[in-house]
């Protein structure tokens, strides 16, 4: 540990992303990327922007994209904040709404960036146990001292909690910010965006990496009251006014506006997901109920780590978490039908 590091760097415990193996023969099912390419309109918008405007700074306010997202969700642009991926939006949110001396709450089994941000920004936290069925128990988040954050659907468990449960958490934290991290919401039944008009303390964070196939562009956004969005803008402009580049803005605008392509690819993933659940259950896998583009599974006989290694040896990469309570589970991204067929063929061969 370097003597030159600040205290913040010394207490940091950096996030470890999924493996990135750039091999053409590898079926990559470990980072929940969309198996389908972006809309052709995205590619054309990026090409056009690259030809005419890369010598100019992008808009610091990103008003065009904010307006398009606001229109999609029937909000105003003052209700929309844009960041360099939802991870940046979440980091700014921790800085904007959580205090160093007040404990926040988030699930014990959840997105592992939350404790990273909390430690970096010196924010105390309680990691709340999930129910025995891996569900979030709303009562456990009532009257938080510093605020609440949780994903819905949760990751890596894939489980969605109903909006009635989200409302209970909001109703019992009216003077604190509640952040609902909706990275996978387009594969689920309902977004908490519908609650925004009734809860000025609600911040909904989403991404274009999953359902809109833009993981490589890094575009995330938050939806909330004007008061919360202004707080995020103040944090952003204290770091870097130009967090989103011109190509990302152009691509994201094309993606949010091509609703037909979005529906087509999302419906494909949902259909593939349901077929895969059935096939895995036939092969003695226990599958948690998923409203995401991935499954969280365990086998009745195979240890998860052993199965992860054997799949990797067969050029299929899935996600294994060597953590208490979930160390016998694997997370498998929903790929194309061809990807899933190959996965099942390898599983059958391993018998």
Protein backbone atom coordinates (compact mmCIF):
# COMPACT_ATOMS: atom_id res chain seq x y z
CA UNK A 1 0.00 0.00 0.00
CA UNK A 2 1.60 3.23 -1.16
CA UNK A 3 2.43 5.99 1.30
CA UNK A 4 1.33 8.44 -1.39
CA UNK A 5 -2.26 7.17 -1.51
CA UNK A 6 -5.05 9.16 0.08
CA UNK A 7 -7.18 7.62 2.83
CA UNK A 8 -9.99 7.17 0.29
CA UNK A 9 -7.77 5.09 -1.99
CA UNK A 10 -6.45 3.05 0.94
CA UNK A 11 -9.94 2.03 2.09
CA UNK A 12 -11.16 1.36 -1.47
CA UNK A 13 -11.95 -2.24 -2.36
CA UNK A 14 -12.34 -2.03 -6.15
CA UNK A 15 -15.08 -3.78 -8.09
CA UNK A 16 -14.03 -6.84 -10.07
CA UNK A 17 -15.86 -7.13 -13.41
CA UNK A 18 -16.61 -10.37 -15.20
CA UNK A 19 -13.86 -11.95 -17.25
CA UNK A 20 -13.30 -10.44 -20.69
CA UNK A 21 -11.77 -13.14 -22.88
CA UNK A 22 -11.46 -11.87 -26.43
CA UNK A 23 -11.61 -15.21 -28.19
CA UNK A 24 -13.70 -15.79 -31.28
CA UNK A 25 -14.50 -19.36 -30.24
CA UNK A 26 -15.82 -18.38 -26.78
CA UNK A 27 -19.55 -18.13 -26.10
CA UNK A 28 -19.62 -15.27 -23.60
CA UNK A 29 -22.49 -15.59 -21.13
CA UNK A 30 -20.94 -13.94 -18.07
CA UNK A 31 -21.54 -10.17 -18.25
CA UNK A 32 -25.22 -9.89 -19.25
CA UNK A 33 -24.54 -8.20 -22.56
CA UNK A 34 -27.24 -8.24 -25.21
CA UNK A 35 -26.58 -10.99 -27.78
CA UNK A 36 -28.06 -8.87 -30.56
CA UNK A 37 -26.37 -5.86 -32.20
CA UNK A 38 -27.69 -2.33 -31.75
CA UNK A 39 -30.38 -1.00 -34.04
CA UNK A 40 -29.09 -0.24 -37.57
CA UNK A 41 -30.28 3.30 -36.89
CA UNK A 42 -27.72 3.50 -34.05
CA UNK A 43 -24.86 2.55 -36.36
CA UNK A 44 -25.97 5.11 -38.96
CA UNK A 45 -26.32 7.88 -36.37
CA UNK A 46 -22.82 7.20 -35.02
CA UNK A 47 -21.36 7.15 -38.54
CA UNK A 48 -22.94 10.47 -39.42
CA UNK A 49 -21.81 12.10 -36.17
CA UNK A 50 -18.25 10.82 -36.63
CA UNK A 51 -18.08 12.33 -40.10
CA UNK A 52 -19.08 15.87 -39.19
CA UNK A 53 -18.56 16.79 -35.56
CA UNK A 54 -15.74 15.03 -33.70
CA UNK A 55 -13.67 18.21 -33.68
CA UNK A 56 -16.30 19.84 -31.46
CA UNK A 57 -17.03 19.28 -27.78
CA UNK A 58 -20.28 17.46 -27.04
CA UNK A 59 -23.16 19.19 -25.30
CA UNK A 60 -22.43 19.48 -21.57
CA UNK A 61 -26.16 19.44 -20.80
CA UNK A 62 -27.05 16.61 -23.25
CA UNK A 63 -30.44 18.24 -23.72
CA UNK A 64 -31.38 16.37 -26.89
CA UNK A 65 -30.94 12.94 -25.31
CA UNK A 66 -32.57 14.08 -22.09
CA UNK A 67 -35.60 15.27 -24.07
CA UNK A 68 -35.87 11.97 -25.96
CA UNK A 69 -35.67 9.90 -22.78
CA UNK A 70 -38.16 12.22 -21.08
CA UNK A 71 -40.56 11.83 -23.99
CA UNK A 72 -40.25 8.03 -23.82
CA UNK A 73 -41.16 8.03 -20.11
CA UNK A 74 -43.65 10.93 -20.30
CA UNK A 75 -41.49 13.19 -18.13
CA UNK A 76 -39.64 16.48 -18.76
CA UNK A 77 -35.95 16.82 -19.46
CA UNK A 78 -35.56 18.33 -15.98
CA UNK A 79 -36.41 14.86 -14.66
CA UNK A 80 -33.52 13.22 -16.56
CA UNK A 81 -29.80 12.99 -15.83
CA UNK A 82 -27.29 11.40 -18.22
CA UNK A 83 -24.04 9.75 -17.18
CA UNK A 84 -21.18 7.69 -18.57
CA UNK A 85 -22.85 4.36 -17.90
CA UNK A 86 -25.13 3.67 -14.96
CA UNK A 87 -22.08 2.95 -12.78
CA UNK A 88 -21.07 6.60 -13.02
CA UNK A 89 -24.66 7.67 -12.34
CA UNK A 90 -24.67 5.48 -9.22
CA UNK A 91 -21.32 6.89 -8.06
CA UNK A 92 -22.60 10.45 -8.47
CA UNK A 93 -25.77 9.45 -6.60
CA UNK A 94 -23.78 8.18 -3.61
CA UNK A 95 -21.97 11.51 -3.50
CA UNK A 96 -25.10 13.62 -4.03
CA UNK A 97 -27.52 11.96 -1.61
CA UNK A 98 -25.71 9.87 1.02
CA UNK A 99 -23.79 11.32 4.00
CA UNK A 100 -20.52 10.11 5.48
CA UNK A 101 -21.93 9.85 9.02
CA UNK A 102 -25.30 8.20 8.27
CA UNK A 103 -25.76 4.50 7.53
CA UNK A 104 -27.42 3.52 4.30
CA UNK A 105 -28.99 0.15 3.53
CA UNK A 106 -28.70 -2.19 0.57
CA UNK A 107 -29.09 -5.96 0.12
CA UNK A 108 -26.29 -8.22 1.28
CA UNK A 109 -26.49 -10.20 -1.97
CA UNK A 110 -26.70 -7.53 -4.63
CA UNK A 111 -24.68 -5.45 -7.06
CA UNK A 112 -21.17 -5.55 -5.67
CA UNK A 113 -20.40 -1.95 -6.66
CA UNK A 114 -22.53 -0.64 -3.77
CA UNK A 115 -20.03 -1.49 -1.00
CA UNK A 116 -17.23 -0.27 -3.27
CA UNK A 117 -18.78 3.20 -3.50
CA UNK A 118 -19.69 3.22 0.18
CA UNK A 119 -16.11 2.49 1.23
CA UNK A 120 -14.60 4.93 -1.26
CA UNK A 121 -16.84 7.78 -0.09
CA UNK A 122 -16.63 6.73 3.58
CA UNK A 123 -20.38 6.08 3.86
CA UNK A 124 -21.37 3.56 6.56
CA UNK A 125 -23.81 0.88 5.51
CA UNK A 126 -25.85 -2.10 6.60
CA UNK A 127 -25.86 -4.99 4.13
CA UNK A 128 -29.32 -6.45 4.70
CA UNK A 129 -29.89 -10.20 4.48
CA UNK A 130 -32.32 -11.42 1.86
CA UNK A 131 -35.16 -13.77 2.66
CA UNK A 132 -34.50 -17.49 2.48
CA UNK A 133 -35.89 -17.46 -1.05
CA UNK A 134 -33.45 -14.64 -2.00
CA UNK A 135 -36.18 -11.98 -2.05
CA UNK A 136 -35.85 -8.45 -0.69
CA UNK A 137 -37.95 -8.04 2.49
CA UNK A 138 -39.35 -4.47 2.43
CA UNK A 139 -39.64 -4.10 6.23
CA UNK A 140 -35.87 -4.46 6.57
CA UNK A 141 -35.39 -1.14 4.76
CA UNK A 142 -37.86 0.98 6.73
CA UNK A 143 -36.60 4.12 8.51
CA UNK A 144 -33.05 3.98 7.19
CA UNK A 145 -30.78 6.57 8.78
CA UNK A 146 -29.06 7.60 5.55
CA UNK A 147 -31.04 6.23 2.62
CA UNK A 148 -31.64 3.07 0.63
CA UNK A 149 -30.42 1.59 -2.63
CA UNK A 150 -31.35 -1.72 -4.23
CA UNK A 151 -31.60 -3.20 -7.72
CA UNK A 152 -34.95 -4.25 -9.11
CA UNK A 153 -34.74 -6.86 -10.47
CA UNK A 154 -31.92 -7.77 -8.13
CA UNK A 155 -28.54 -8.88 -9.40
CA UNK A 156 -27.21 -11.49 -9.36
CA UNK A 157 -30.36 -13.25 -8.14
CA UNK A 158 -32.60 -12.06 -11.05
CA UNK A 159 -35.62 -11.64 -8.75
CA UNK A 160 -38.09 -8.77 -9.18
CA UNK A 161 -40.11 -7.29 -6.33
CA UNK A 162 -43.54 -5.86 -7.01
CA UNK A 163 -44.07 -2.11 -7.10
CA UNK A 164 -46.25 -2.40 -4.00
CA UNK A 165 -43.15 -3.48 -2.06
CA UNK A 166 -41.14 -0.59 -3.54
CA UNK A 167 -43.88 1.80 -2.40
CA UNK A 168 -43.66 0.40 1.13
CA UNK A 169 -39.94 1.19 1.23
CA UNK A 170 -40.57 4.68 -0.12
CA UNK A 171 -43.43 5.37 2.31
CA UNK A 172 -41.18 4.48 5.22
CA UNK A 173 -38.24 6.63 4.09
CA UNK A 174 -39.97 9.83 2.98
CA UNK A 175 -37.19 12.09 4.24
CA UNK A 176 -34.38 10.01 2.68
CA UNK A 177 -33.46 9.22 -0.91
CA UNK A 178 -34.40 5.76 -2.15
CA UNK A 179 -32.49 4.67 -5.27
CA UNK A 180 -33.98 1.88 -7.37
CA UNK A 181 -31.33 0.51 -9.72
CA UNK A 182 -33.21 -0.76 -12.78
CA UNK A 183 -30.44 -2.04 -15.04
CA UNK A 184 -32.60 -4.99 -16.11
CA UNK A 185 -36.07 -3.45 -15.89
CA UNK A 186 -36.87 -3.81 -19.59
CA UNK A 187 -36.96 -7.59 -19.07
CA UNK A 188 -39.34 -7.24 -16.10
CA UNK A 189 -43.01 -6.43 -15.65
CA UNK A 190 -43.01 -2.82 -14.41
CA UNK A 191 -40.70 0.12 -13.69
CA UNK A 192 -40.73 2.33 -10.61
CA UNK A 193 -40.78 5.30 -13.00
CA UNK A 194 -44.57 5.21 -12.58
CA UNK A 195 -44.07 6.19 -8.91
CA UNK A 196 -42.01 9.31 -9.55
CA UNK A 197 -44.90 11.77 -9.49
CA UNK A 198 -45.82 10.67 -5.96
CA UNK A 199 -42.33 10.35 -4.45
CA UNK A 200 -39.86 13.25 -4.75
CA UNK A 201 -37.36 11.11 -2.79
CA UNK A 202 -37.26 8.40 -5.49
CA UNK A 203 -34.38 8.13 -7.96
CA UNK A 204 -34.61 5.50 -10.70
CA UNK A 205 -31.33 4.56 -12.43
CA UNK A 206 -31.28 2.77 -15.78
CA UNK A 207 -28.78 1.85 -18.49
CA UNK A 208 -28.66 1.39 -22.24
CA UNK A 209 -26.09 -1.41 -21.91
CA UNK A 210 -28.53 -4.30 -21.58
CA UNK A 211 -31.84 -4.07 -23.42
CA UNK A 212 -30.61 -1.55 -26.01
CA UNK A 213 -27.33 -3.30 -26.86
CA UNK A 214 -25.09 -0.31 -26.06
CA UNK A 215 -22.70 -1.73 -23.45
CA UNK A 216 -19.79 -0.46 -25.55
CA UNK A 217 -21.05 3.14 -25.62
CA UNK A 218 -21.46 3.57 -21.83
CA UNK A 219 -24.71 5.49 -21.46
CA UNK A 220 -26.71 5.46 -18.24
CA UNK A 221 -29.36 7.77 -16.89
CA UNK A 222 -31.35 8.67 -13.80
CA UNK A 223 -34.98 9.69 -13.54
CA UNK A 224 -36.28 11.68 -10.60
CA UNK A 225 -37.61 14.94 -9.28
CA UNK A 226 -36.04 18.17 -10.49
CA UNK A 227 -34.48 18.57 -7.04
CA UNK A 228 -32.66 15.23 -7.25
CA UNK A 229 -31.58 15.72 -10.86
CA UNK A 230 -30.15 19.15 -10.01
CA UNK A 231 -28.12 17.52 -7.24
CA UNK A 232 -26.64 15.05 -9.71
CA UNK A 233 -25.84 17.81 -12.18
CA UNK A 234 -24.02 19.76 -9.46
CA UNK A 235 -21.85 16.72 -8.70
CA UNK A 236 -21.15 16.01 -12.38
CA UNK A 237 -20.18 19.60 -13.13
CA UNK A 238 -17.80 19.53 -10.18
CA UNK A 239 -15.88 16.71 -11.90
CA UNK A 240 -16.32 16.92 -15.67
CA UNK A 241 -18.92 18.81 -17.67
CA UNK A 242 -18.41 16.55 -20.70
CA UNK A 243 -19.01 13.02 -19.40
CA UNK A 244 -20.81 11.81 -22.55
CA UNK A 245 -19.11 11.98 -25.95
CA UNK A 246 -20.76 12.86 -29.25
CA UNK A 247 -20.88 9.29 -30.57
CA UNK A 248 -22.52 8.01 -27.40
CA UNK A 249 -25.13 10.78 -27.50
CA UNK A 250 -25.95 10.12 -31.15
CA UNK A 251 -26.15 6.37 -30.66
CA UNK A 252 -28.25 6.61 -27.51
CA UNK A 253 -30.74 8.97 -29.15
CA UNK A 254 -31.16 6.60 -32.08
CA UNK A 255 -31.60 3.66 -29.72
CA UNK A 256 -34.26 5.25 -27.51
CA UNK A 257 -36.20 6.35 -30.58
CA UNK A 258 -36.16 3.00 -32.41
CA UNK A 259 -38.84 1.40 -30.29
CA UNK A 260 -39.74 -1.27 -32.84
CA UNK A 261 -36.22 -2.73 -32.86
CA UNK A 262 -36.07 -2.53 -29.06
CA UNK A 263 -39.31 -4.50 -28.71
CA UNK A 264 -38.21 -7.08 -31.29
CA UNK A 265 -34.89 -7.93 -29.62
CA UNK A 266 -36.27 -7.79 -26.08
CA UNK A 267 -39.07 -10.18 -26.97
CA UNK A 268 -36.53 -12.57 -28.49
CA UNK A 269 -34.52 -12.60 -25.27
CA UNK A 270 -37.64 -13.17 -23.15
CA UNK A 271 -38.74 -16.09 -25.32
CA UNK A 272 -35.26 -17.64 -25.23
CA UNK A 273 -35.14 -17.18 -21.46
CA UNK A 274 -38.35 -19.13 -20.91
CA UNK A 275 -37.25 -21.97 -23.18
CA UNK A 276 -33.91 -22.19 -21.40
CA UNK A 277 -35.57 -22.31 -17.97
CA UNK A 278 -37.63 -25.31 -19.09
CA UNK A 279 -34.62 -27.13 -20.52
CA UNK A 280 -32.44 -26.51 -17.46
CA UNK A 281 -35.15 -27.75 -15.12
CA UNK A 282 -35.31 -30.95 -17.16
CA UNK A 283 -31.60 -31.36 -16.42
CA UNK A 284 -32.00 -31.11 -12.63
CA UNK A 285 -31.15 -27.42 -12.28
CA UNK A 286 -32.90 -25.21 -9.75
CA UNK A 287 -33.61 -21.86 -11.43
CA UNK A 288 -34.57 -18.75 -9.50
CA UNK A 289 -37.54 -16.86 -11.01
CA UNK A 290 -35.98 -14.41 -13.45
CA UNK A 291 -37.20 -11.08 -14.76
CA UNK A 292 -33.81 -10.21 -16.25
CA UNK A 293 -31.71 -11.23 -19.25
CA UNK A 294 -29.91 -13.84 -17.15
CA UNK A 295 -30.62 -16.85 -14.96
CA UNK A 296 -29.27 -17.66 -11.51
CA UNK A 297 -29.04 -21.43 -11.17
CA UNK A 298 -27.65 -24.34 -9.20
CA UNK A 299 -27.53 -28.03 -9.93
CA UNK A 300 -28.66 -30.84 -7.64
CA UNK A 301 -25.34 -32.64 -7.94
CA UNK A 302 -22.66 -30.55 -9.66
CA UNK A 303 -20.76 -28.02 -7.53
CA UNK A 304 -21.04 -24.61 -9.21
CA UNK A 305 -17.32 -23.89 -9.34
CA UNK A 306 -16.59 -27.25 -10.96
CA UNK A 307 -19.35 -26.71 -13.51
CA UNK A 308 -18.07 -23.19 -14.25
CA UNK A 309 -14.59 -24.57 -14.98
CA UNK A 310 -15.91 -27.42 -17.13
CA UNK A 311 -18.02 -25.04 -19.18
CA UNK A 312 -15.04 -22.73 -19.60
CA UNK A 313 -12.97 -25.70 -20.83
CA UNK A 314 -15.66 -26.14 -23.46
CA UNK A 315 -15.48 -22.47 -24.54
CA UNK A 316 -18.56 -21.29 -22.66
CA UNK A 317 -17.95 -18.52 -20.13
CA UNK A 318 -20.50 -18.00 -17.33
CA UNK A 319 -20.24 -16.06 -14.05
CA UNK A 320 -19.26 -17.76 -10.81
CA UNK A 321 -19.36 -15.83 -7.51
CA UNK A 322 -17.06 -17.22 -4.85
CA UNK A 323 -19.07 -15.59 -2.08
CA UNK A 324 -20.95 -16.92 0.95
CA UNK A 325 -24.56 -18.06 0.32
CA UNK A 326 -24.23 -17.95 -3.48
CA UNK A 327 -21.04 -19.95 -4.03
CA UNK A 328 -23.03 -22.89 -5.39
CA UNK A 329 -24.83 -20.80 -8.01
CA UNK A 330 -23.95 -19.74 -11.54
CA UNK A 331 -25.22 -16.70 -13.40
CA UNK A 332 -25.87 -17.34 -17.08
CA UNK A 333 -26.63 -14.56 -19.57
CA UNK A 334 -29.38 -15.23 -22.08
CA UNK A 335 -27.70 -15.45 -25.48
CA UNK A 336 -29.06 -16.29 -28.89
CA UNK A 337 -30.98 -19.50 -29.45
CA UNK A 338 -27.81 -20.92 -31.01
CA UNK A 339 -25.80 -20.01 -27.89
CA UNK A 340 -28.34 -21.70 -25.64
CA UNK A 341 -28.45 -24.79 -27.84
CA UNK A 342 -24.68 -25.11 -27.55
CA UNK A 343 -24.84 -24.61 -23.77
CA UNK A 344 -27.34 -27.45 -23.42
CA UNK A 345 -25.27 -29.70 -25.71
CA UNK A 346 -22.21 -29.17 -23.53
CA UNK A 347 -24.18 -29.77 -20.33
CA UNK A 348 -25.50 -33.03 -21.76
CA UNK A 349 -22.01 -34.08 -22.76
CA UNK A 350 -20.71 -33.40 -19.23
CA UNK A 351 -23.02 -36.04 -17.81
